[in-house]
Amino acid sequence: MPQKKEIEARKNGIILVNKPSGITSHDVVDIARRKLGCRRIGHAGTLDPLAQGLLIILVGSHTKMFDKFVNFDKKYEGTLKLGKVTSTGDSEGQILAVKDWKGISACQIKNVFETFQGEIEQVPPMVSALRRGGKRLYKLARKGVIIKLKPRKITIYECSPQEIRLPFVDFFVHCSKGTYIRKLSEDIGSKLGCGAHVTKIVRLKIGPFSVEKAVNPGEINESHLQKFTS
Protein backbone atom coordinates (compact mmCIF):
# COMPACT_ATOMS: atom_id res chain seq x y z
CA MET A 1 0.00 0.00 0.00
CA PRO A 2 1.47 3.40 -0.92
CA GLN A 3 2.16 5.70 1.99
CA LYS A 4 0.12 8.88 2.48
CA LYS A 5 3.11 11.08 1.59
CA GLU A 6 3.64 9.13 -1.65
CA ILE A 7 0.00 9.62 -2.61
CA GLU A 8 0.18 13.35 -1.90
CA ALA A 9 3.43 13.63 -3.90
CA ARG A 10 1.56 12.50 -7.03
CA LYS A 11 -0.98 15.30 -6.70
CA ASN A 12 0.48 18.24 -8.57
CA GLY A 13 -1.07 20.83 -10.83
CA ILE A 14 -3.67 23.56 -10.91
CA ILE A 15 -7.44 23.53 -10.66
CA LEU A 16 -9.61 26.31 -12.08
CA VAL A 17 -12.38 27.08 -9.61
CA ASN A 18 -15.43 29.33 -10.00
CA LYS A 19 -15.59 30.91 -6.55
CA PRO A 20 -19.09 32.00 -5.51
CA SER A 21 -19.75 35.23 -3.68
CA GLY A 22 -19.98 34.95 0.10
CA ILE A 23 -16.96 32.76 0.84
CA THR A 24 -13.27 33.57 1.08
CA SER A 25 -10.48 32.34 -1.17
CA HIS A 26 -9.07 30.51 1.85
CA ASP A 27 -12.41 28.72 2.25
CA VAL A 28 -11.95 27.35 -1.28
CA VAL A 29 -8.44 26.19 -0.41
CA ASP A 30 -9.83 24.35 2.63
CA ILE A 31 -12.46 22.67 0.44
CA ALA A 32 -9.75 21.59 -2.03
CA ARG A 33 -7.65 20.13 0.79
CA ARG A 34 -10.57 18.02 1.97
CA LYS A 35 -11.56 16.94 -1.52
CA LEU A 36 -8.03 16.02 -2.61
CA GLY A 37 -6.73 14.74 0.73
CA CYS A 38 -3.66 16.94 0.27
CA ARG A 39 -2.28 19.66 2.55
CA ARG A 40 0.09 21.35 0.11
CA ILE A 41 -2.44 23.64 -1.57
CA GLY A 42 -2.67 27.40 -2.10
CA HIS A 43 -4.23 29.86 -4.49
CA ALA A 44 -2.93 32.40 -7.01
CA GLY A 45 -4.54 35.75 -6.25
CA THR A 46 -7.13 36.52 -3.59
CA LEU A 47 -10.76 37.21 -4.40
CA ASP A 48 -12.67 39.14 -1.73
CA PRO A 49 -15.71 37.42 -0.17
CA LEU A 50 -17.99 39.68 -2.25
CA ALA A 51 -16.15 38.80 -5.47
CA GLN A 52 -16.81 35.73 -7.54
CA GLY A 53 -15.27 34.07 -10.55
CA LEU A 54 -11.96 32.51 -11.48
CA LEU A 55 -9.68 31.39 -8.65
CA ILE A 56 -6.65 29.29 -9.55
CA ILE A 57 -5.85 26.62 -6.96
CA LEU A 58 -2.22 25.51 -6.84
CA VAL A 59 -1.54 21.93 -5.75
CA GLY A 60 1.70 20.23 -4.70
CA SER A 61 4.80 21.38 -6.60
CA HIS A 62 2.71 23.99 -8.43
CA THR A 63 2.47 26.06 -5.23
CA LYS A 64 5.98 27.23 -6.14
CA MET A 65 4.59 28.86 -9.30
CA PHE A 66 2.61 31.50 -7.42
CA ASP A 67 4.53 34.44 -8.92
CA LYS A 68 3.90 33.30 -12.50
CA PHE A 69 0.14 33.36 -12.03
CA VAL A 70 0.07 36.60 -10.05
CA ASN A 71 1.93 38.37 -12.86
CA PHE A 72 -0.74 37.56 -15.47
CA ASP A 73 -3.16 40.24 -16.70
CA LYS A 74 -6.71 39.84 -15.49
CA LYS A 75 -10.19 40.55 -16.84
CA TYR A 76 -13.21 41.46 -14.74
CA GLU A 77 -16.80 42.49 -15.09
CA GLY A 78 -18.64 44.24 -12.33
CA THR A 79 -21.31 46.67 -11.23
CA LEU A 80 -20.85 49.93 -9.37
CA LYS A 81 -23.50 52.04 -7.72
CA LEU A 82 -23.27 55.82 -7.87
CA GLY A 83 -24.17 58.12 -4.99
CA LYS A 84 -22.91 56.22 -1.95
CA VAL A 85 -19.40 55.94 -0.49
CA THR A 86 -18.80 53.04 1.90
CA SER A 87 -16.10 52.13 4.41
CA THR A 88 -14.99 49.13 2.35
CA GLY A 89 -15.61 50.40 -1.17
CA ASP A 90 -18.31 47.77 -1.64
CA SER A 91 -21.92 47.14 -0.67
CA GLU A 92 -20.92 45.26 2.49
CA GLY A 93 -19.37 48.31 4.19
CA GLN A 94 -20.89 51.08 6.26
CA ILE A 95 -22.23 54.08 4.34
CA LEU A 96 -19.92 57.04 4.87
CA ALA A 97 -21.47 59.57 2.51
CA VAL A 98 -24.54 59.96 0.30
CA LYS A 99 -24.36 62.26 -2.71
CA ASP A 100 -26.68 63.23 -5.55
CA TRP A 101 -26.05 61.31 -8.79
CA LYS A 102 -29.11 62.42 -10.74
CA GLY A 103 -27.27 65.12 -12.70
CA ILE A 104 -24.76 62.59 -14.07
CA SER A 105 -25.18 61.72 -17.74
CA ALA A 106 -24.20 58.57 -19.64
CA CYS A 107 -21.77 60.68 -21.67
CA GLN A 108 -20.01 61.88 -18.51
CA ILE A 109 -19.72 58.33 -17.25
CA LYS A 110 -18.19 57.09 -20.51
CA ASN A 111 -15.70 59.98 -20.56
CA VAL A 112 -14.60 59.34 -16.97
CA PHE A 113 -14.11 55.61 -17.60
CA GLU A 114 -11.81 56.48 -20.50
CA THR A 115 -9.55 58.54 -18.23
CA PHE A 116 -8.67 55.40 -16.27
CA GLN A 117 -7.12 53.65 -19.28
CA GLY A 118 -3.36 53.33 -19.74
CA GLU A 119 -0.69 53.48 -17.05
CA ILE A 120 -2.12 55.10 -13.92
CA GLU A 121 -1.38 55.25 -10.21
CA GLN A 122 -3.68 53.59 -7.72
CA VAL A 123 -3.60 53.65 -3.94
CA PRO A 124 -4.41 50.13 -2.65
CA PRO A 125 -7.49 49.94 -0.41
CA MET A 126 -7.14 49.20 3.29
CA VAL A 127 -9.54 46.32 2.75
CA SER A 128 -7.00 44.20 0.86
CA ALA A 129 -4.79 41.18 1.44
CA LEU A 130 -1.57 43.22 1.32
CA ARG A 131 0.66 42.90 4.38
CA ARG A 132 2.11 45.63 6.58
CA GLY A 133 4.24 44.59 9.53
CA GLY A 134 3.34 40.98 8.87
CA LYS A 135 -0.41 41.63 9.17
CA ARG A 136 -3.06 41.73 6.45
CA LEU A 137 -4.42 45.20 5.81
CA TYR A 138 -8.03 44.06 5.99
CA LYS A 139 -7.42 42.70 9.50
CA LEU A 140 -5.94 46.03 10.58
CA ALA A 141 -8.87 47.87 8.97
CA ARG A 142 -11.34 45.81 11.01
CA LYS A 143 -9.60 47.07 14.15
CA GLY A 144 -9.91 50.66 12.98
CA VAL A 145 -6.22 50.97 12.09
CA ILE A 146 -5.66 53.14 9.02
CA ILE A 147 -2.27 53.23 7.30
CA LYS A 148 -1.32 55.81 4.69
CA LEU A 149 -0.46 53.79 1.60
CA LYS A 150 1.64 54.93 -1.34
CA PRO A 151 0.18 54.81 -4.86
CA ARG A 152 1.40 52.05 -7.15
CA LYS A 153 1.63 52.03 -10.93
CA ILE A 154 -0.82 49.76 -12.71
CA THR A 155 -1.92 49.43 -16.32
CA ILE A 156 -5.54 49.45 -17.42
CA TYR A 157 -5.80 48.08 -20.96
CA GLU A 158 -9.55 48.56 -21.15
CA CYS A 159 -12.02 50.17 -18.77
CA SER A 160 -15.48 50.67 -20.19
CA PRO A 161 -19.12 50.85 -19.10
CA GLN A 162 -21.20 48.05 -20.64
CA GLU A 163 -24.67 49.06 -19.50
CA ILE A 164 -25.74 52.23 -17.71
CA ARG A 165 -28.95 51.94 -15.66
CA LEU A 166 -28.48 54.67 -13.14
CA PRO A 167 -27.54 54.63 -10.36
CA PHE A 168 -25.94 51.32 -11.45
CA VAL A 169 -23.21 50.96 -14.06
CA ASP A 170 -22.13 47.56 -15.37
CA PHE A 171 -18.52 47.64 -16.53
CA PHE A 172 -15.62 45.63 -17.97
CA VAL A 173 -11.94 45.93 -17.01
CA HIS A 174 -8.80 44.38 -18.51
CA CYS A 175 -5.89 45.22 -16.22
CA SER A 176 -2.40 44.40 -15.04
CA LYS A 177 -1.53 42.69 -11.77
CA GLY A 178 -2.00 44.77 -8.63
CA THR A 179 -5.24 46.40 -9.76
CA TYR A 180 -8.04 46.67 -7.22
CA ILE A 181 -11.48 46.81 -8.81
CA ARG A 182 -13.22 48.19 -5.71
CA LYS A 183 -10.70 51.05 -5.58
CA LEU A 184 -11.15 51.69 -9.29
CA SER A 185 -14.90 51.96 -8.73
CA GLU A 186 -14.36 54.37 -5.84
CA ASP A 187 -12.02 56.51 -7.93
CA ILE A 188 -14.49 56.61 -10.82
CA GLY A 189 -17.22 57.76 -8.43
CA SER A 190 -14.93 60.37 -6.94
CA LYS A 191 -14.06 61.75 -10.37
CA LEU A 192 -17.75 61.94 -11.26
CA GLY A 193 -18.27 63.94 -8.07
CA CYS A 194 -21.01 61.71 -6.66
CA GLY A 195 -19.06 58.86 -5.11
CA ALA A 196 -19.55 55.16 -5.82
CA HIS A 197 -19.04 51.69 -4.48
CA VAL A 198 -18.90 48.29 -6.14
CA THR A 199 -21.82 45.89 -5.76
CA LYS A 200 -20.54 43.02 -7.91
CA ILE A 201 -17.13 41.78 -9.07
CA VAL A 202 -16.57 38.77 -11.33
CA ARG A 203 -13.08 37.68 -12.38
CA LEU A 204 -13.39 36.34 -15.90
CA LYS A 205 -9.78 35.57 -16.86
CA ILE A 206 -6.28 35.23 -15.43
CA GLY A 207 -3.81 35.21 -18.30
CA PRO A 208 -4.90 32.40 -20.67
CA PHE A 209 -7.24 30.81 -18.10
CA SER A 210 -10.99 31.45 -18.23
CA VAL A 211 -13.79 31.07 -15.69
CA GLU A 212 -15.74 29.27 -18.42
CA LYS A 213 -13.57 26.20 -17.81
CA ALA A 214 -13.72 26.40 -14.02
CA VAL A 215 -15.54 24.03 -11.67
CA ASN A 216 -17.58 24.87 -8.59
CA PRO A 217 -15.80 24.29 -5.24
CA GLY A 218 -18.06 21.34 -4.37
CA GLU A 219 -17.13 19.59 -7.63
CA ILE A 220 -13.35 19.62 -7.06
CA ASN A 221 -11.66 16.24 -7.55
CA GLU A 222 -8.33 14.87 -8.72
CA SER A 223 -9.51 14.61 -12.33
CA HIS A 224 -9.57 18.43 -12.52
CA LEU A 225 -5.82 18.73 -11.92
CA GLN A 226 -3.94 20.08 -14.92
CA LYS A 227 -0.24 20.71 -15.35
CA PHE A 228 1.16 24.15 -16.09
CA THR A 229 4.58 24.20 -17.75
CA SER A 230 4.95 27.73 -19.22
C-alpha atoms as a PDB file:
ATOM      1  CA  MET A   1       0.000   0.000   0.000  1.00  0.00           C
ATOM      2  CA  PRO A   2       1.471   3.398  -0.922  1.00  0.00           C
ATOM      3  CA  GLN A   3       2.159   5.700   1.991  1.00  0.00           C
ATOM      4  CA  LYS A   4       0.124   8.877   2.480  1.00  0.00           C
ATOM      5  CA  LYS A   5       3.114  11.078   1.586  1.00  0.00           C
ATOM      6  CA  GLU A   6       3.643   9.125  -1.651  1.00  0.00           C
ATOM      7  CA  ILE A   7      -0.004   9.618  -2.608  1.00  0.00           C
ATOM      8  CA  GLU A   8       0.185  13.353  -1.901  1.00  0.00           C
ATOM      9  CA  ALA A   9       3.428  13.634  -3.899  1.00  0.00           C
ATOM     10  CA  ARG A  10       1.562  12.497  -7.027  1.00  0.00           C
ATOM     11  CA  LYS A  11      -0.984  15.299  -6.704  1.00  0.00           C
ATOM     12  CA  ASN A  12       0.483  18.239  -8.573  1.00  0.00           C
ATOM     13  CA  GLY A  13      -1.069  20.830 -10.833  1.00  0.00           C
ATOM     14  CA  ILE A  14      -3.668  23.565 -10.908  1.00  0.00           C
ATOM     15  CA  ILE A  15      -7.444  23.533 -10.661  1.00  0.00           C
ATOM     16  CA  LEU A  16      -9.612  26.309 -12.079  1.00  0.00           C
ATOM     17  CA  VAL A  17     -12.383  27.081  -9.611  1.00  0.00           C
ATOM     18  CA  ASN A  18     -15.426  29.332 -10.003  1.00  0.00           C
ATOM     19  CA  LYS A  19     -15.591  30.913  -6.550  1.00  0.00           C
ATOM     20  CA  PRO A  20     -19.091  32.004  -5.511  1.00  0.00           C
ATOM     21  CA  SER A  21     -19.752  35.227  -3.681  1.00  0.00           C
ATOM     22  CA  GLY A  22     -19.982  34.953   0.102  1.00  0.00           C
ATOM     23  CA  ILE A  23     -16.959  32.755   0.845  1.00  0.00           C
ATOM     24  CA  THR A  24     -13.268  33.565   1.077  1.00  0.00           C
ATOM     25  CA  SER A  25     -10.476  32.343  -1.172  1.00  0.00           C
ATOM     26  CA  HIS A  26      -9.068  30.505   1.852  1.00  0.00           C
ATOM     27  CA  ASP A  27     -12.415  28.717   2.248  1.00  0.00           C
ATOM     28  CA  VAL A  28     -11.953  27.354  -1.283  1.00  0.00           C
ATOM     29  CA  VAL A  29      -8.436  26.186  -0.405  1.00  0.00           C
ATOM     30  CA  ASP A  30      -9.833  24.346   2.631  1.00  0.00           C
ATOM     31  CA  ILE A  31     -12.464  22.675   0.441  1.00  0.00           C
ATOM     32  CA  ALA A  32      -9.749  21.594  -2.034  1.00  0.00           C
ATOM     33  CA  ARG A  33      -7.651  20.130   0.787  1.00  0.00           C
ATOM     34  CA  ARG A  34     -10.568  18.020   1.971  1.00  0.00           C
ATOM     35  CA  LYS A  35     -11.560  16.945  -1.517  1.00  0.00           C
ATOM     36  CA  LEU A  36      -8.031  16.018  -2.613  1.00  0.00           C
ATOM     37  CA  GLY A  37      -6.726  14.739   0.726  1.00  0.00           C
ATOM     38  CA  CYS A  38      -3.662  16.937   0.266  1.00  0.00           C
ATOM     39  CA  ARG A  39      -2.281  19.657   2.547  1.00  0.00           C
ATOM     40  CA  ARG A  40       0.093  21.350   0.109  1.00  0.00           C
ATOM     41  CA  ILE A  41      -2.444  23.639  -1.573  1.00  0.00           C
ATOM     42  CA  GLY A  42      -2.665  27.399  -2.096  1.00  0.00           C
ATOM     43  CA  HIS A  43      -4.233  29.865  -4.495  1.00  0.00           C
ATOM     44  CA  ALA A  44      -2.934  32.400  -7.008  1.00  0.00           C
ATOM     45  CA  GLY A  45      -4.539  35.751  -6.251  1.00  0.00           C
ATOM     46  CA  THR A  46      -7.129  36.524  -3.593  1.00  0.00           C
ATOM     47  CA  LEU A  47     -10.763  37.213  -4.399  1.00  0.00           C
ATOM     48  CA  ASP A  48     -12.671  39.136  -1.727  1.00  0.00           C
ATOM     49  CA  PRO A  49     -15.711  37.418  -0.172  1.00  0.00           C
ATOM     50  CA  LEU A  50     -17.987  39.680  -2.248  1.00  0.00           C
ATOM     51  CA  ALA A  51     -16.153  38.802  -5.467  1.00  0.00           C
ATOM     52  CA  GLN A  52     -16.812  35.729  -7.541  1.00  0.00           C
ATOM     53  CA  GLY A  53     -15.268  34.071 -10.546  1.00  0.00           C
ATOM     54  CA  LEU A  54     -11.959  32.510 -11.477  1.00  0.00           C
ATOM     55  CA  LEU A  55      -9.682  31.391  -8.651  1.00  0.00           C
ATOM     56  CA  ILE A  56      -6.651  29.288  -9.548  1.00  0.00           C
ATOM     57  CA  ILE A  57      -5.850  26.624  -6.965  1.00  0.00           C
ATOM     58  CA  LEU A  58      -2.216  25.508  -6.837  1.00  0.00           C
ATOM     59  CA  VAL A  59      -1.542  21.930  -5.749  1.00  0.00           C
ATOM     60  CA  GLY A  60       1.695  20.231  -4.704  1.00  0.00           C
ATOM     61  CA  SER A  61       4.799  21.376  -6.598  1.00  0.00           C
ATOM     62  CA  HIS A  62       2.709  23.989  -8.431  1.00  0.00           C
ATOM     63  CA  THR A  63       2.466  26.058  -5.235  1.00  0.00           C
ATOM     64  CA  LYS A  64       5.982  27.231  -6.138  1.00  0.00           C
ATOM     65  CA  MET A  65       4.593  28.860  -9.302  1.00  0.00           C
ATOM     66  CA  PHE A  66       2.609  31.502  -7.421  1.00  0.00           C
ATOM     67  CA  ASP A  67       4.534  34.443  -8.922  1.00  0.00           C
ATOM     68  CA  LYS A  68       3.901  33.297 -12.498  1.00  0.00           C
ATOM     69  CA  PHE A  69       0.136  33.362 -12.035  1.00  0.00           C
ATOM     70  CA  VAL A  70       0.075  36.598 -10.045  1.00  0.00           C
ATOM     71  CA  ASN A  71       1.930  38.375 -12.863  1.00  0.00           C
ATOM     72  CA  PHE A  72      -0.739  37.562 -15.471  1.00  0.00           C
ATOM     73  CA  ASP A  73      -3.160  40.235 -16.701  1.00  0.00           C
ATOM     74  CA  LYS A  74      -6.714  39.838 -15.485  1.00  0.00           C
ATOM     75  CA  LYS A  75     -10.189  40.552 -16.840  1.00  0.00           C
ATOM     76  CA  TYR A  76     -13.213  41.457 -14.744  1.00  0.00           C
ATOM     77  CA  GLU A  77     -16.797  42.494 -15.087  1.00  0.00           C
ATOM     78  CA  GLY A  78     -18.643  44.242 -12.327  1.00  0.00           C
ATOM     79  CA  THR A  79     -21.307  46.665 -11.227  1.00  0.00           C
ATOM     80  CA  LEU A  80     -20.855  49.927  -9.372  1.00  0.00           C
ATOM     81  CA  LYS A  81     -23.499  52.042  -7.719  1.00  0.00           C
ATOM     82  CA  LEU A  82     -23.270  55.816  -7.872  1.00  0.00           C
ATOM     83  CA  GLY A  83     -24.169  58.119  -4.987  1.00  0.00           C
ATOM     84  CA  LYS A  84     -22.909  56.223  -1.950  1.00  0.00           C
ATOM     85  CA  VAL A  85     -19.403  55.944  -0.487  1.00  0.00           C
ATOM     86  CA  THR A  86     -18.799  53.036   1.904  1.00  0.00           C
ATOM     87  CA  SER A  87     -16.098  52.127   4.407  1.00  0.00           C
ATOM     88  CA  THR A  88     -14.991  49.128   2.349  1.00  0.00           C
ATOM     89  CA  GLY A  89     -15.605  50.403  -1.173  1.00  0.00           C
ATOM     90  CA  ASP A  90     -18.312  47.767  -1.644  1.00  0.00           C
ATOM     91  CA  SER A  91     -21.922  47.136  -0.673  1.00  0.00           C
ATOM     92  CA  GLU A  92     -20.920  45.260   2.493  1.00  0.00           C
ATOM     93  CA  GLY A  93     -19.371  48.305   4.192  1.00  0.00           C
ATOM     94  CA  GLN A  94     -20.892  51.083   6.258  1.00  0.00           C
ATOM     95  CA  ILE A  95     -22.232  54.077   4.336  1.00  0.00           C
ATOM     96  CA  LEU A  96     -19.915  57.037   4.874  1.00  0.00           C
ATOM     97  CA  ALA A  97     -21.474  59.568   2.508  1.00  0.00           C
ATOM     98  CA  VAL A  98     -24.536  59.958   0.302  1.00  0.00           C
ATOM     99  CA  LYS A  99     -24.362  62.263  -2.713  1.00  0.00           C
ATOM    100  CA  ASP A 100     -26.680  63.226  -5.550  1.00  0.00           C
ATOM    101  CA  TRP A 101     -26.045  61.309  -8.788  1.00  0.00           C
ATOM    102  CA  LYS A 102     -29.106  62.421 -10.741  1.00  0.00           C
ATOM    103  CA  GLY A 103     -27.272  65.116 -12.698  1.00  0.00           C
ATOM    104  CA  ILE A 104     -24.759  62.590 -14.065  1.00  0.00           C
ATOM    105  CA  SER A 105     -25.178  61.716 -17.741  1.00  0.00           C
ATOM    106  CA  ALA A 106     -24.200  58.575 -19.639  1.00  0.00           C
ATOM    107  CA  CYS A 107     -21.772  60.675 -21.669  1.00  0.00           C
ATOM    108  CA  GLN A 108     -20.009  61.883 -18.506  1.00  0.00           C
ATOM    109  CA  ILE A 109     -19.724  58.326 -17.249  1.00  0.00           C
ATOM    110  CA  LYS A 110     -18.186  57.087 -20.513  1.00  0.00           C
ATOM    111  CA  ASN A 111     -15.703  59.976 -20.557  1.00  0.00           C
ATOM    112  CA  VAL A 112     -14.600  59.338 -16.966  1.00  0.00           C
ATOM    113  CA  PHE A 113     -14.107  55.612 -17.598  1.00  0.00           C
ATOM    114  CA  GLU A 114     -11.805  56.481 -20.503  1.00  0.00           C
ATOM    115  CA  THR A 115      -9.550  58.541 -18.229  1.00  0.00           C
ATOM    116  CA  PHE A 116      -8.672  55.396 -16.270  1.00  0.00           C
ATOM    117  CA  GLN A 117      -7.116  53.651 -19.281  1.00  0.00           C
ATOM    118  CA  GLY A 118      -3.361  53.335 -19.735  1.00  0.00           C
ATOM    119  CA  GLU A 119      -0.685  53.483 -17.045  1.00  0.00           C
ATOM    120  CA  ILE A 120      -2.120  55.097 -13.919  1.00  0.00           C
ATOM    121  CA  GLU A 121      -1.377  55.252 -10.213  1.00  0.00           C
ATOM    122  CA  GLN A 122      -3.684  53.586  -7.724  1.00  0.00           C
ATOM    123  CA  VAL A 123      -3.599  53.647  -3.937  1.00  0.00           C
ATOM    124  CA  PRO A 124      -4.409  50.134  -2.654  1.00  0.00           C
ATOM    125  CA  PRO A 125      -7.489  49.938  -0.410  1.00  0.00           C
ATOM    126  CA  MET A 126      -7.141  49.203   3.291  1.00  0.00           C
ATOM    127  CA  VAL A 127      -9.537  46.320   2.751  1.00  0.00           C
ATOM    128  CA  SER A 128      -7.002  44.205   0.861  1.00  0.00           C
ATOM    129  CA  ALA A 129      -4.787  41.178   1.441  1.00  0.00           C
ATOM    130  CA  LEU A 130      -1.572  43.220   1.324  1.00  0.00           C
ATOM    131  CA  ARG A 131       0.661  42.901   4.376  1.00  0.00           C
ATOM    132  CA  ARG A 132       2.114  45.629   6.585  1.00  0.00           C
ATOM    133  CA  GLY A 133       4.240  44.594   9.531  1.00  0.00           C
ATOM    134  CA  GLY A 134       3.337  40.976   8.866  1.00  0.00           C
ATOM    135  CA  LYS A 135      -0.406  41.628   9.165  1.00  0.00           C
ATOM    136  CA  ARG A 136      -3.057  41.725   6.454  1.00  0.00           C
ATOM    137  CA  LEU A 137      -4.417  45.204   5.811  1.00  0.00           C
ATOM    138  CA  TYR A 138      -8.033  44.062   5.991  1.00  0.00           C
ATOM    139  CA  LYS A 139      -7.419  42.705   9.495  1.00  0.00           C
ATOM    140  CA  LEU A 140      -5.942  46.030  10.578  1.00  0.00           C
ATOM    141  CA  ALA A 141      -8.875  47.869   8.969  1.00  0.00           C
ATOM    142  CA  ARG A 142     -11.338  45.808  11.011  1.00  0.00           C
ATOM    143  CA  LYS A 143      -9.603  47.067  14.150  1.00  0.00           C
ATOM    144  CA  GLY A 144      -9.907  50.664  12.977  1.00  0.00           C
ATOM    145  CA  VAL A 145      -6.222  50.969  12.091  1.00  0.00           C
ATOM    146  CA  ILE A 146      -5.658  53.139   9.020  1.00  0.00           C
ATOM    147  CA  ILE A 147      -2.270  53.234   7.298  1.00  0.00           C
ATOM    148  CA  LYS A 148      -1.323  55.810   4.691  1.00  0.00           C
ATOM    149  CA  LEU A 149      -0.457  53.794   1.599  1.00  0.00           C
ATOM    150  CA  LYS A 150       1.635  54.932  -1.345  1.00  0.00           C
ATOM    151  CA  PRO A 151       0.179  54.806  -4.865  1.00  0.00           C
ATOM    152  CA  ARG A 152       1.399  52.048  -7.154  1.00  0.00           C
ATOM    153  CA  LYS A 153       1.633  52.032 -10.931  1.00  0.00           C
ATOM    154  CA  ILE A 154      -0.820  49.764 -12.709  1.00  0.00           C
ATOM    155  CA  THR A 155      -1.916  49.434 -16.320  1.00  0.00           C
ATOM    156  CA  ILE A 156      -5.541  49.447 -17.422  1.00  0.00           C
ATOM    157  CA  TYR A 157      -5.801  48.081 -20.963  1.00  0.00           C
ATOM    158  CA  GLU A 158      -9.548  48.563 -21.146  1.00  0.00           C
ATOM    159  CA  CYS A 159     -12.021  50.170 -18.770  1.00  0.00           C
ATOM    160  CA  SER A 160     -15.475  50.667 -20.192  1.00  0.00           C
ATOM    161  CA  PRO A 161     -19.119  50.849 -19.104  1.00  0.00           C
ATOM    162  CA  GLN A 162     -21.195  48.053 -20.637  1.00  0.00           C
ATOM    163  CA  GLU A 163     -24.674  49.063 -19.500  1.00  0.00           C
ATOM    164  CA  ILE A 164     -25.738  52.234 -17.709  1.00  0.00           C
ATOM    165  CA  ARG A 165     -28.954  51.936 -15.664  1.00  0.00           C
ATOM    166  CA  LEU A 166     -28.483  54.674 -13.135  1.00  0.00           C
ATOM    167  CA  PRO A 167     -27.542  54.626 -10.360  1.00  0.00           C
ATOM    168  CA  PHE A 168     -25.944  51.321 -11.452  1.00  0.00           C
ATOM    169  CA  VAL A 169     -23.209  50.965 -14.060  1.00  0.00           C
ATOM    170  CA  ASP A 170     -22.134  47.561 -15.372  1.00  0.00           C
ATOM    171  CA  PHE A 171     -18.522  47.645 -16.534  1.00  0.00           C
ATOM    172  CA  PHE A 172     -15.622  45.631 -17.970  1.00  0.00           C
ATOM    173  CA  VAL A 173     -11.943  45.933 -17.013  1.00  0.00           C
ATOM    174  CA  HIS A 174      -8.802  44.375 -18.505  1.00  0.00           C
ATOM    175  CA  CYS A 175      -5.885  45.219 -16.223  1.00  0.00           C
ATOM    176  CA  SER A 176      -2.398  44.396 -15.038  1.00  0.00           C
ATOM    177  CA  LYS A 177      -1.532  42.694 -11.766  1.00  0.00           C
ATOM    178  CA  GLY A 178      -1.999  44.766  -8.625  1.00  0.00           C
ATOM    179  CA  THR A 179      -5.244  46.404  -9.761  1.00  0.00           C
ATOM    180  CA  TYR A 180      -8.042  46.673  -7.218  1.00  0.00           C
ATOM    181  CA  ILE A 181     -11.484  46.812  -8.809  1.00  0.00           C
ATOM    182  CA  ARG A 182     -13.219  48.195  -5.713  1.00  0.00           C
ATOM    183  CA  LYS A 183     -10.699  51.049  -5.578  1.00  0.00           C
ATOM    184  CA  LEU A 184     -11.147  51.685  -9.287  1.00  0.00           C
ATOM    185  CA  SER A 185     -14.900  51.960  -8.728  1.00  0.00           C
ATOM    186  CA  GLU A 186     -14.357  54.370  -5.835  1.00  0.00           C
ATOM    187  CA  ASP A 187     -12.017  56.511  -7.933  1.00  0.00           C
ATOM    188  CA  ILE A 188     -14.489  56.612 -10.824  1.00  0.00           C
ATOM    189  CA  GLY A 189     -17.223  57.759  -8.431  1.00  0.00           C
ATOM    190  CA  SER A 190     -14.931  60.372  -6.942  1.00  0.00           C
ATOM    191  CA  LYS A 191     -14.056  61.754 -10.368  1.00  0.00           C
ATOM    192  CA  LEU A 192     -17.752  61.941 -11.261  1.00  0.00           C
ATOM    193  CA  GLY A 193     -18.271  63.935  -8.070  1.00  0.00           C
ATOM    194  CA  CYS A 194     -21.007  61.712  -6.665  1.00  0.00           C
ATOM    195  CA  GLY A 195     -19.063  58.857  -5.110  1.00  0.00           C
ATOM    196  CA  ALA A 196     -19.547  55.155  -5.823  1.00  0.00           C
ATOM    197  CA  HIS A 197     -19.038  51.685  -4.475  1.00  0.00           C
ATOM    198  CA  VAL A 198     -18.898  48.290  -6.141  1.00  0.00           C
ATOM    199  CA  THR A 199     -21.821  45.885  -5.757  1.00  0.00           C
ATOM    200  CA  LYS A 200     -20.544  43.022  -7.910  1.00  0.00           C
ATOM    201  CA  ILE A 201     -17.133  41.783  -9.073  1.00  0.00           C
ATOM    202  CA  VAL A 202     -16.569  38.770 -11.331  1.00  0.00           C
ATOM    203  CA  ARG A 203     -13.080  37.685 -12.376  1.00  0.00           C
ATOM    204  CA  LEU A 204     -13.386  36.345 -15.898  1.00  0.00           C
ATOM    205  CA  LYS A 205      -9.781  35.566 -16.861  1.00  0.00           C
ATOM    206  CA  ILE A 206      -6.282  35.230 -15.430  1.00  0.00           C
ATOM    207  CA  GLY A 207      -3.808  35.214 -18.299  1.00  0.00           C
ATOM    208  CA  PRO A 208      -4.903  32.401 -20.670  1.00  0.00           C
ATOM    209  CA  PHE A 209      -7.242  30.811 -18.102  1.00  0.00           C
ATOM    210  CA  SER A 210     -10.990  31.446 -18.226  1.00  0.00           C
ATOM    211  CA  VAL A 211     -13.789  31.069 -15.692  1.00  0.00           C
ATOM    212  CA  GLU A 212     -15.744  29.266 -18.421  1.00  0.00           C
ATOM    213  CA  LYS A 213     -13.570  26.198 -17.815  1.00  0.00           C
ATOM    214  CA  ALA A 214     -13.717  26.397 -14.021  1.00  0.00           C
ATOM    215  CA  VAL A 215     -15.545  24.029 -11.667  1.00  0.00           C
ATOM    216  CA  ASN A 216     -17.578  24.869  -8.592  1.00  0.00           C
ATOM    217  CA  PRO A 217     -15.801  24.291  -5.242  1.00  0.00           C
ATOM    218  CA  GLY A 218     -18.060  21.341  -4.368  1.00  0.00           C
ATOM    219  CA  GLU A 219     -17.126  19.587  -7.633  1.00  0.00           C
ATOM    220  CA  ILE A 220     -13.345  19.618  -7.056  1.00  0.00           C
ATOM    221  CA  ASN A 221     -11.662  16.245  -7.553  1.00  0.00           C
ATOM    222  CA  GLU A 222      -8.331  14.869  -8.725  1.00  0.00           C
ATOM    223  CA  SER A 223      -9.509  14.608 -12.327  1.00  0.00           C
ATOM    224  CA  HIS A 224      -9.573  18.427 -12.524  1.00  0.00           C
ATOM    225  CA  LEU A 225      -5.817  18.731 -11.918  1.00  0.00           C
ATOM    226  CA  GLN A 226      -3.940  20.082 -14.923  1.00  0.00           C
ATOM    227  CA  LYS A 227      -0.245  20.709 -15.348  1.00  0.00           C
ATOM    228  CA  PHE A 228       1.156  24.153 -16.090  1.00  0.00           C
ATOM    229  CA  THR A 229       4.582  24.205 -17.750  1.00  0.00           C
ATOM    230  CA  SER A 230       4.949  27.726 -19.220  1.00  0.00           C
END
